[in-house]
PDB file of all heavy atoms in Angstrom:
ATOM      1  N   GLY A   1     -10.990  -8.563  10.831  1.00  0.00           N
ATOM      2  CA  GLY A   1     -10.906  -9.030  12.198  1.00  0.00           C
ATOM      3  C   GLY A   1      -9.732  -9.964  12.422  1.00  0.00           C
ATOM      4  O   GLY A   1      -9.370 -10.252  13.562  1.00  0.00           O
ATOM      5  N   SER A   2      -9.122 -10.426  11.338  1.00  0.00           N
ATOM      6  CA  SER A   2      -7.952 -11.297  11.426  1.00  0.00           C
ATOM      7  C   SER A   2      -6.695 -10.463  11.636  1.00  0.00           C
ATOM      8  O   SER A   2      -6.538  -9.384  11.056  1.00  0.00           O
ATOM      9  CB  SER A   2      -7.827 -12.129  10.147  1.00  0.00           C
ATOM     10  OG  SER A   2      -6.564 -12.758  10.067  1.00  0.00           O
ATOM     11  N   ALA A   3      -5.771 -10.966  12.452  1.00  0.00           N
ATOM     12  CA  ALA A   3      -4.501 -10.268  12.678  1.00  0.00           C
ATOM     13  C   ALA A   3      -3.624 -10.263  11.439  1.00  0.00           C
ATOM     14  O   ALA A   3      -2.721  -9.432  11.297  1.00  0.00           O
ATOM     15  CB  ALA A   3      -3.747 -10.929  13.841  1.00  0.00           C
ATOM     16  N   LEU A   4      -3.893 -11.184  10.527  1.00  0.00           N
ATOM     17  CA  LEU A   4      -3.097 -11.300   9.314  1.00  0.00           C
ATOM     18  C   LEU A   4      -3.545 -10.343   8.217  1.00  0.00           C
ATOM     19  O   LEU A   4      -2.739  -9.931   7.380  1.00  0.00           O
ATOM     20  CB  LEU A   4      -3.159 -12.751   8.804  1.00  0.00           C
ATOM     21  CG  LEU A   4      -2.291 -13.142   7.614  1.00  0.00           C
ATOM     22  CD1 LEU A   4      -0.815 -12.895   7.899  1.00  0.00           C
ATOM     23  CD2 LEU A   4      -2.516 -14.607   7.255  1.00  0.00           C
ATOM     24  N   SER A   5      -4.819  -9.972   8.213  1.00  0.00           N
ATOM     25  CA  SER A   5      -5.374  -9.169   7.120  1.00  0.00           C
ATOM     26  C   SER A   5      -4.697  -7.811   6.932  1.00  0.00           C
ATOM     27  O   SER A   5      -4.409  -7.424   5.796  1.00  0.00           O
ATOM     28  CB  SER A   5      -6.877  -8.991   7.324  1.00  0.00           C
ATOM     29  OG  SER A   5      -7.552 -10.226   7.203  1.00  0.00           O
ATOM     30  N   PRO A   6      -4.429  -7.020   8.007  1.00  0.00           N
ATOM     31  CA  PRO A   6      -3.754  -5.730   7.789  1.00  0.00           C
ATOM     32  C   PRO A   6      -2.389  -5.867   7.128  1.00  0.00           C
ATOM     33  O   PRO A   6      -2.023  -5.054   6.273  1.00  0.00           O
ATOM     34  CB  PRO A   6      -3.631  -5.151   9.207  1.00  0.00           C
ATOM     35  CG  PRO A   6      -4.698  -5.830   9.994  1.00  0.00           C
ATOM     36  CD  PRO A   6      -4.808  -7.199   9.417  1.00  0.00           C
ATOM     37  N   VAL A   7      -1.629  -6.901   7.502  1.00  0.00           N
ATOM     38  CA  VAL A   7      -0.306  -7.104   6.904  1.00  0.00           C
ATOM     39  C   VAL A   7      -0.431  -7.487   5.438  1.00  0.00           C
ATOM     40  O   VAL A   7       0.286  -6.966   4.573  1.00  0.00           O
ATOM     41  CB  VAL A   7       0.473  -8.176   7.687  1.00  0.00           C
ATOM     42  CG1 VAL A   7       1.869  -8.352   7.102  1.00  0.00           C
ATOM     43  CG2 VAL A   7       0.565  -7.820   9.159  1.00  0.00           C
ATOM     44  N   LEU A   8      -1.356  -8.401   5.132  1.00  0.00           N
ATOM     45  CA  LEU A   8      -1.567  -8.794   3.738  1.00  0.00           C
ATOM     46  C   LEU A   8      -2.063  -7.617   2.901  1.00  0.00           C
ATOM     47  O   LEU A   8      -1.676  -7.477   1.732  1.00  0.00           O
ATOM     48  CB  LEU A   8      -2.564  -9.957   3.666  1.00  0.00           C
ATOM     49  CG  LEU A   8      -2.108 -11.294   4.245  1.00  0.00           C
ATOM     50  CD1 LEU A   8      -3.208 -12.342   4.116  1.00  0.00           C
ATOM     51  CD2 LEU A   8      -0.830 -11.781   3.578  1.00  0.00           C
ATOM     52  N   ALA A   9      -2.901  -6.779   3.485  1.00  0.00           N
ATOM     53  CA  ALA A   9      -3.385  -5.592   2.770  1.00  0.00           C
ATOM     54  C   ALA A   9      -2.232  -4.665   2.410  1.00  0.00           C
ATOM     55  O   ALA A   9      -2.154  -4.148   1.296  1.00  0.00           O
ATOM     56  CB  ALA A   9      -4.417  -4.859   3.626  1.00  0.00           C
ATOM     57  N   ASN A  10      -1.319  -4.449   3.361  1.00  0.00           N
ATOM     58  CA  ASN A  10      -0.159  -3.604   3.095  1.00  0.00           C
ATOM     59  C   ASN A  10       0.737  -4.202   2.010  1.00  0.00           C
ATOM     60  O   ASN A  10       1.296  -3.483   1.180  1.00  0.00           O
ATOM     61  CB  ASN A  10       0.650  -3.394   4.377  1.00  0.00           C
ATOM     62  CG  ASN A  10       0.322  -2.079   5.066  1.00  0.00           C
ATOM     63  OD1 ASN A  10      -0.347  -1.214   4.508  1.00  0.00           O
ATOM     64  ND2 ASN A  10       0.804  -1.928   6.285  1.00  0.00           N
ATOM     65  N   ILE A  11       0.889  -5.521   2.016  1.00  0.00           N
ATOM     66  CA  ILE A  11       1.737  -6.190   1.021  1.00  0.00           C
ATOM     67  C   ILE A  11       1.144  -6.035  -0.377  1.00  0.00           C
ATOM     68  O   ILE A  11       1.855  -5.746  -1.339  1.00  0.00           O
ATOM     69  CB  ILE A  11       1.919  -7.673   1.388  1.00  0.00           C
ATOM     70  CG1 ILE A  11       2.735  -7.796   2.684  1.00  0.00           C
ATOM     71  CG2 ILE A  11       2.606  -8.433   0.265  1.00  0.00           C
ATOM     72  CD1 ILE A  11       2.795  -9.212   3.233  1.00  0.00           C
ATOM     73  N   LEU A  12      -0.171  -6.226  -0.481  1.00  0.00           N
ATOM     74  CA  LEU A  12      -0.819  -6.086  -1.790  1.00  0.00           C
ATOM     75  C   LEU A  12      -0.795  -4.634  -2.259  1.00  0.00           C
ATOM     76  O   LEU A  12      -0.462  -4.353  -3.416  1.00  0.00           O
ATOM     77  CB  LEU A  12      -2.254  -6.598  -1.718  1.00  0.00           C
ATOM     78  CG  LEU A  12      -3.075  -6.478  -3.010  1.00  0.00           C
ATOM     79  CD1 LEU A  12      -2.447  -7.311  -4.130  1.00  0.00           C
ATOM     80  CD2 LEU A  12      -4.525  -6.900  -2.785  1.00  0.00           C
ATOM     81  N   LEU A  13      -1.143  -3.706  -1.365  1.00  0.00           N
ATOM     82  CA  LEU A  13      -1.194  -2.298  -1.751  1.00  0.00           C
ATOM     83  C   LEU A  13       0.190  -1.692  -1.920  1.00  0.00           C
ATOM     84  O   LEU A  13       0.312  -0.587  -2.443  1.00  0.00           O
ATOM     85  CB  LEU A  13      -2.000  -1.502  -0.719  1.00  0.00           C
ATOM     86  CG  LEU A  13      -3.507  -1.822  -0.706  1.00  0.00           C
ATOM     87  CD1 LEU A  13      -4.208  -1.070   0.417  1.00  0.00           C
ATOM     88  CD2 LEU A  13      -4.138  -1.465  -2.051  1.00  0.00           C
ATOM     89  N   ASN A  14       1.224  -2.393  -1.476  1.00  0.00           N
ATOM     90  CA  ASN A  14       2.580  -1.945  -1.760  1.00  0.00           C
ATOM     91  C   ASN A  14       2.847  -1.957  -3.270  1.00  0.00           C
ATOM     92  O   ASN A  14       3.654  -1.172  -3.775  1.00  0.00           O
ATOM     93  CB  ASN A  14       3.595  -2.827  -1.032  1.00  0.00           C
ATOM     94  CG  ASN A  14       5.019  -2.305  -1.154  1.00  0.00           C
ATOM     95  OD1 ASN A  14       5.315  -1.157  -0.891  1.00  0.00           O
ATOM     96  ND2 ASN A  14       5.910  -3.181  -1.592  1.00  0.00           N
ATOM     97  N   GLU A  15       2.163  -2.858  -3.979  1.00  0.00           N
ATOM     98  CA  GLU A  15       2.246  -2.857  -5.436  1.00  0.00           C
ATOM     99  C   GLU A  15       1.693  -1.556  -6.007  1.00  0.00           C
ATOM    100  O   GLU A  15       2.216  -1.025  -6.988  1.00  0.00           O
ATOM    101  CB  GLU A  15       1.465  -4.048  -6.003  1.00  0.00           C
ATOM    102  CG  GLU A  15       1.975  -5.408  -5.554  1.00  0.00           C
ATOM    103  CD  GLU A  15       3.344  -5.725  -6.114  1.00  0.00           C
ATOM    104  OE1 GLU A  15       3.489  -5.677  -7.359  1.00  0.00           O
ATOM    105  OE2 GLU A  15       4.275  -6.014  -5.311  1.00  0.00           O
ATOM    106  N   LEU A  16       0.637  -1.051  -5.371  1.00  0.00           N
ATOM    107  CA  LEU A  16       0.074   0.238  -5.774  1.00  0.00           C
ATOM    108  C   LEU A  16       1.016   1.380  -5.415  1.00  0.00           C
ATOM    109  O   LEU A  16       1.177   2.329  -6.190  1.00  0.00           O
ATOM    110  CB  LEU A  16      -1.284   0.434  -5.109  1.00  0.00           C
ATOM    111  CG  LEU A  16      -1.953   1.809  -5.232  1.00  0.00           C
ATOM    112  CD1 LEU A  16      -2.194   2.169  -6.698  1.00  0.00           C
ATOM    113  CD2 LEU A  16      -3.269   1.846  -4.449  1.00  0.00           C
ATOM    114  N   ASP A  17       1.668   1.296  -4.263  1.00  0.00           N
ATOM    115  CA  ASP A  17       2.592   2.348  -3.838  1.00  0.00           C
ATOM    116  C   ASP A  17       3.770   2.504  -4.805  1.00  0.00           C
ATOM    117  O   ASP A  17       4.287   3.605  -4.994  1.00  0.00           O
ATOM    118  CB  ASP A  17       3.119   2.054  -2.435  1.00  0.00           C
ATOM    119  CG  ASP A  17       2.022   2.049  -1.380  1.00  0.00           C
ATOM    120  OD1 ASP A  17       0.939   2.603  -1.655  1.00  0.00           O
ATOM    121  OD2 ASP A  17       2.236   1.474  -0.294  1.00  0.00           O
ATOM    122  N   GLN A  18       4.207   1.396  -5.386  1.00  0.00           N
ATOM    123  CA  GLN A  18       5.363   1.450  -6.280  1.00  0.00           C
ATOM    124  C   GLN A  18       5.073   2.262  -7.542  1.00  0.00           C
ATOM    125  O   GLN A  18       5.988   2.837  -8.130  1.00  0.00           O
ATOM    126  CB  GLN A  18       5.794   0.030  -6.664  1.00  0.00           C
ATOM    127  CG  GLN A  18       6.138  -0.872  -5.478  1.00  0.00           C
ATOM    128  CD  GLN A  18       7.171  -0.270  -4.563  1.00  0.00           C
ATOM    129  OE1 GLN A  18       8.175   0.305  -5.010  1.00  0.00           O
ATOM    130  NE2 GLN A  18       6.950  -0.378  -3.256  1.00  0.00           N
ATOM    131  N   GLU A  19       3.806   2.306  -7.952  1.00  0.00           N
ATOM    132  CA  GLU A  19       3.450   3.026  -9.173  1.00  0.00           C
ATOM    133  C   GLU A  19       3.648   4.532  -9.028  1.00  0.00           C
ATOM    134  O   GLU A  19       4.360   5.139  -9.832  1.00  0.00           O
ATOM    135  CB  GLU A  19       2.013   2.684  -9.579  1.00  0.00           C
ATOM    136  CG  GLU A  19       1.556   3.269 -10.907  1.00  0.00           C
ATOM    137  CD  GLU A  19       2.277   2.702 -12.104  1.00  0.00           C
ATOM    138  OE1 GLU A  19       3.017   1.689 -11.950  1.00  0.00           O
ATOM    139  OE2 GLU A  19       2.141   3.272 -13.208  1.00  0.00           O
ATOM    140  N   PRO A  20       3.051   5.220  -8.031  1.00  0.00           N
ATOM    141  CA  PRO A  20       3.344   6.652  -7.882  1.00  0.00           C
ATOM    142  C   PRO A  20       4.794   6.927  -7.491  1.00  0.00           C
ATOM    143  O   PRO A  20       5.346   7.971  -7.851  1.00  0.00           O
ATOM    144  CB  PRO A  20       2.368   7.099  -6.781  1.00  0.00           C
ATOM    145  CG  PRO A  20       1.944   5.859  -6.081  1.00  0.00           C
ATOM    146  CD  PRO A  20       2.018   4.767  -7.094  1.00  0.00           C
ATOM    147  N   ASP A  21       5.430   6.005  -6.749  1.00  0.00           N
ATOM    148  CA  ASP A  21       6.848   6.175  -6.421  1.00  0.00           C
ATOM    149  C   ASP A  21       7.693   6.188  -7.691  1.00  0.00           C
ATOM    150  O   ASP A  21       8.623   7.000  -7.836  1.00  0.00           O
ATOM    151  CB  ASP A  21       7.316   5.055  -5.494  1.00  0.00           C
ATOM    152  CG  ASP A  21       7.181   5.414  -4.020  1.00  0.00           C
ATOM    153  OD1 ASP A  21       7.048   6.614  -3.718  1.00  0.00           O
ATOM    154  OD2 ASP A  21       7.209   4.488  -3.170  1.00  0.00           O
ATOM    155  N   ARG A  22       7.376   5.296  -8.608  1.00  0.00           N
ATOM    156  CA  ARG A  22       8.112   5.206  -9.866  1.00  0.00           C
ATOM    157  C   ARG A  22       7.964   6.475 -10.698  1.00  0.00           C
ATOM    158  O   ARG A  22       8.894   6.891 -11.394  1.00  0.00           O
ATOM    159  CB  ARG A  22       7.624   4.002 -10.661  1.00  0.00           C
ATOM    160  CG  ARG A  22       8.335   3.734 -11.974  1.00  0.00           C
ATOM    161  CD  ARG A  22       7.749   2.515 -12.667  1.00  0.00           C
ATOM    162  NE  ARG A  22       6.355   2.700 -12.989  1.00  0.00           N
ATOM    163  CZ  ARG A  22       5.916   3.376 -14.071  1.00  0.00           C
ATOM    164  NH1 ARG A  22       6.789   3.931 -14.911  1.00  0.00           N
ATOM    165  NH2 ARG A  22       4.607   3.488 -14.291  1.00  0.00           N
ATOM    166  N   ARG A  23       6.789   7.122 -10.586  1.00  0.00           N
ATOM    167  CA  ARG A  23       6.506   8.323 -11.370  1.00  0.00           C
ATOM    168  C   ARG A  23       6.838   9.608 -10.621  1.00  0.00           C
ATOM    169  O   ARG A  23       6.606  10.701 -11.134  1.00  0.00           O
ATOM    170  CB  ARG A  23       5.034   8.315 -11.773  1.00  0.00           C
ATOM    171  CG  ARG A  23       4.659   7.128 -12.638  1.00  0.00           C
ATOM    172  CD  ARG A  23       3.164   6.984 -12.829  1.00  0.00           C
ATOM    173  NE  ARG A  23       2.579   8.168 -13.431  1.00  0.00           N
ATOM    174  CZ  ARG A  23       1.289   8.277 -13.728  1.00  0.00           C
ATOM    175  NH1 ARG A  23       0.473   7.258 -13.473  1.00  0.00           N
ATOM    176  NH2 ARG A  23       0.823   9.381 -14.271  1.00  0.00           N
ATOM    177  N   GLY A  24       7.359   9.484  -9.403  1.00  0.00           N
ATOM    178  CA  GLY A  24       7.743  10.669  -8.641  1.00  0.00           C
ATOM    179  C   GLY A  24       6.577  11.471  -8.100  1.00  0.00           C
ATOM    180  O   GLY A  24       6.695  12.673  -7.853  1.00  0.00           O
ATOM    181  N   LEU A  25       5.434  10.836  -7.867  1.00  0.00           N
ATOM    182  CA  LEU A  25       4.257  11.516  -7.350  1.00  0.00           C
ATOM    183  C   LEU A  25       4.298  11.582  -5.835  1.00  0.00           C
ATOM    184  O   LEU A  25       4.959  10.776  -5.168  1.00  0.00           O
ATOM    185  CB  LEU A  25       2.979  10.789  -7.798  1.00  0.00           C
ATOM    186  CG  LEU A  25       2.753  10.692  -9.312  1.00  0.00           C
ATOM    187  CD1 LEU A  25       1.530   9.825  -9.606  1.00  0.00           C
ATOM    188  CD2 LEU A  25       2.567  12.080  -9.925  1.00  0.00           C
ATOM    189  N   HIS A  26       3.598  12.552  -5.285  1.00  0.00           N
ATOM    190  CA  HIS A  26       3.509  12.725  -3.840  1.00  0.00           C
ATOM    191  C   HIS A  26       2.190  12.117  -3.357  1.00  0.00           C
ATOM    192  O   HIS A  26       1.108  12.589  -3.725  1.00  0.00           O
ATOM    193  CB  HIS A  26       3.566  14.211  -3.472  1.00  0.00           C
ATOM    194  CG  HIS A  26       4.861  14.859  -3.829  1.00  0.00           C
ATOM    195  ND1 HIS A  26       5.195  15.188  -5.133  1.00  0.00           N
ATOM    196  CD2 HIS A  26       5.922  15.238  -3.068  1.00  0.00           C
ATOM    197  CE1 HIS A  26       6.398  15.744  -5.142  1.00  0.00           C
ATOM    198  NE2 HIS A  26       6.863  15.778  -3.911  1.00  0.00           N
ATOM    199  N   PHE A  27       2.267  11.098  -2.539  1.00  0.00           N
ATOM    200  CA  PHE A  27       1.063  10.407  -2.090  1.00  0.00           C
ATOM    201  C   PHE A  27       1.196  10.003  -0.627  1.00  0.00           C
ATOM    202  O   PHE A  27       2.294   9.890  -0.074  1.00  0.00           O
ATOM    203  CB  PHE A  27       0.790   9.161  -2.948  1.00  0.00           C
ATOM    204  CG  PHE A  27       1.681   7.992  -2.628  1.00  0.00           C
ATOM    205  CD1 PHE A  27       1.237   6.969  -1.808  1.00  0.00           C
ATOM    206  CD2 PHE A  27       2.971   7.925  -3.135  1.00  0.00           C
ATOM    207  CE1 PHE A  27       2.065   5.902  -1.491  1.00  0.00           C
ATOM    208  CE2 PHE A  27       3.803   6.856  -2.834  1.00  0.00           C
ATOM    209  CZ  PHE A  27       3.347   5.840  -2.015  1.00  0.00           C
ATOM    210  N   ILE A  28       0.048   9.787  -0.001  1.00  0.00           N
ATOM    211  CA  ILE A  28      -0.023   9.296   1.370  1.00  0.00           C
ATOM    212  C   ILE A  28      -1.087   8.199   1.396  1.00  0.00           C
ATOM    213  O   ILE A  28      -2.210   8.413   0.917  1.00  0.00           O
ATOM    214  CB  ILE A  28      -0.411  10.410   2.372  1.00  0.00           C
ATOM    215  CG1 ILE A  28       0.507  11.617   2.217  1.00  0.00           C
ATOM    216  CG2 ILE A  28      -0.392   9.879   3.790  1.00  0.00           C
ATOM    217  CD1 ILE A  28      -0.049  12.695   1.316  1.00  0.00           C
ATOM    218  N   ARG A  29      -0.727   7.066   1.949  1.00  0.00           N
ATOM    219  CA  ARG A  29      -1.689   5.962   2.040  1.00  0.00           C
ATOM    220  C   ARG A  29      -1.736   5.441   3.470  1.00  0.00           C
ATOM    221  O   ARG A  29      -0.713   5.196   4.080  1.00  0.00           O
ATOM    222  CB  ARG A  29      -1.326   4.812   1.095  1.00  0.00           C
ATOM    223  CG  ARG A  29      -2.352   3.654   1.144  1.00  0.00           C
ATOM    224  CD  ARG A  29      -1.969   2.518   0.205  1.00  0.00           C
ATOM    225  NE  ARG A  29      -0.716   1.894   0.575  1.00  0.00           N
ATOM    226  CZ  ARG A  29      -0.591   0.996   1.561  1.00  0.00           C
ATOM    227  NH1 ARG A  29      -1.632   0.630   2.282  1.00  0.00           N
ATOM    228  NH2 ARG A  29       0.597   0.479   1.821  1.00  0.00           N
ATOM    229  N   TYR A  30      -2.950   5.290   3.966  1.00  0.00           N
ATOM    230  CA  TYR A  30      -3.179   4.646   5.252  1.00  0.00           C
ATOM    231  C   TYR A  30      -4.184   3.535   5.018  1.00  0.00           C
ATOM    232  O   TYR A  30      -5.369   3.804   4.746  1.00  0.00           O
ATOM    233  CB  TYR A  30      -3.705   5.638   6.287  1.00  0.00           C
ATOM    234  CG  TYR A  30      -3.795   5.056   7.680  1.00  0.00           C
ATOM    235  CD1 TYR A  30      -2.762   5.241   8.590  1.00  0.00           C
ATOM    236  CD2 TYR A  30      -4.894   4.301   8.078  1.00  0.00           C
ATOM    237  CE1 TYR A  30      -2.836   4.702   9.865  1.00  0.00           C
ATOM    238  CE2 TYR A  30      -4.969   3.750   9.332  1.00  0.00           C
ATOM    239  CZ  TYR A  30      -3.945   3.959  10.230  1.00  0.00           C
ATOM    240  OH  TYR A  30      -4.009   3.405  11.482  1.00  0.00           O
ATOM    241  N   ALA A  31      -3.702   2.286   5.076  1.00  0.00           N
ATOM    242  CA  ALA A  31      -4.552   1.125   4.742  1.00  0.00           C
ATOM    243  C   ALA A  31      -5.086   1.310   3.325  1.00  0.00           C
ATOM    244  O   ALA A  31      -4.305   1.482   2.390  1.00  0.00           O
ATOM    245  CB  ALA A  31      -5.653   0.939   5.772  1.00  0.00           C
ATOM    246  N   ASP A  32      -6.411   1.341   3.146  1.00  0.00           N
ATOM    247  CA  ASP A  32      -6.969   1.499   1.804  1.00  0.00           C
ATOM    248  C   ASP A  32      -7.382   2.932   1.502  1.00  0.00           C
ATOM    249  O   ASP A  32      -8.046   3.184   0.494  1.00  0.00           O
ATOM    250  CB  ASP A  32      -8.166   0.564   1.616  1.00  0.00           C
ATOM    251  CG  ASP A  32      -9.269   0.803   2.655  1.00  0.00           C
ATOM    252  OD1 ASP A  32      -8.952   1.282   3.761  1.00  0.00           O
ATOM    253  OD2 ASP A  32     -10.445   0.515   2.365  1.00  0.00           O
TER     254      ASP A  32
END
C-alpha cells in the first residue's frame, strides 16, 4: 500500500534479473 514499496521491490528483484541476464536466459518478470 506504500508508494515506495513497488520501487524497492524492483530494486531488490533487479538483483535476481541480473542472474538470468548473465547466463543469457530468456525471462519475463512483472513485480514478483
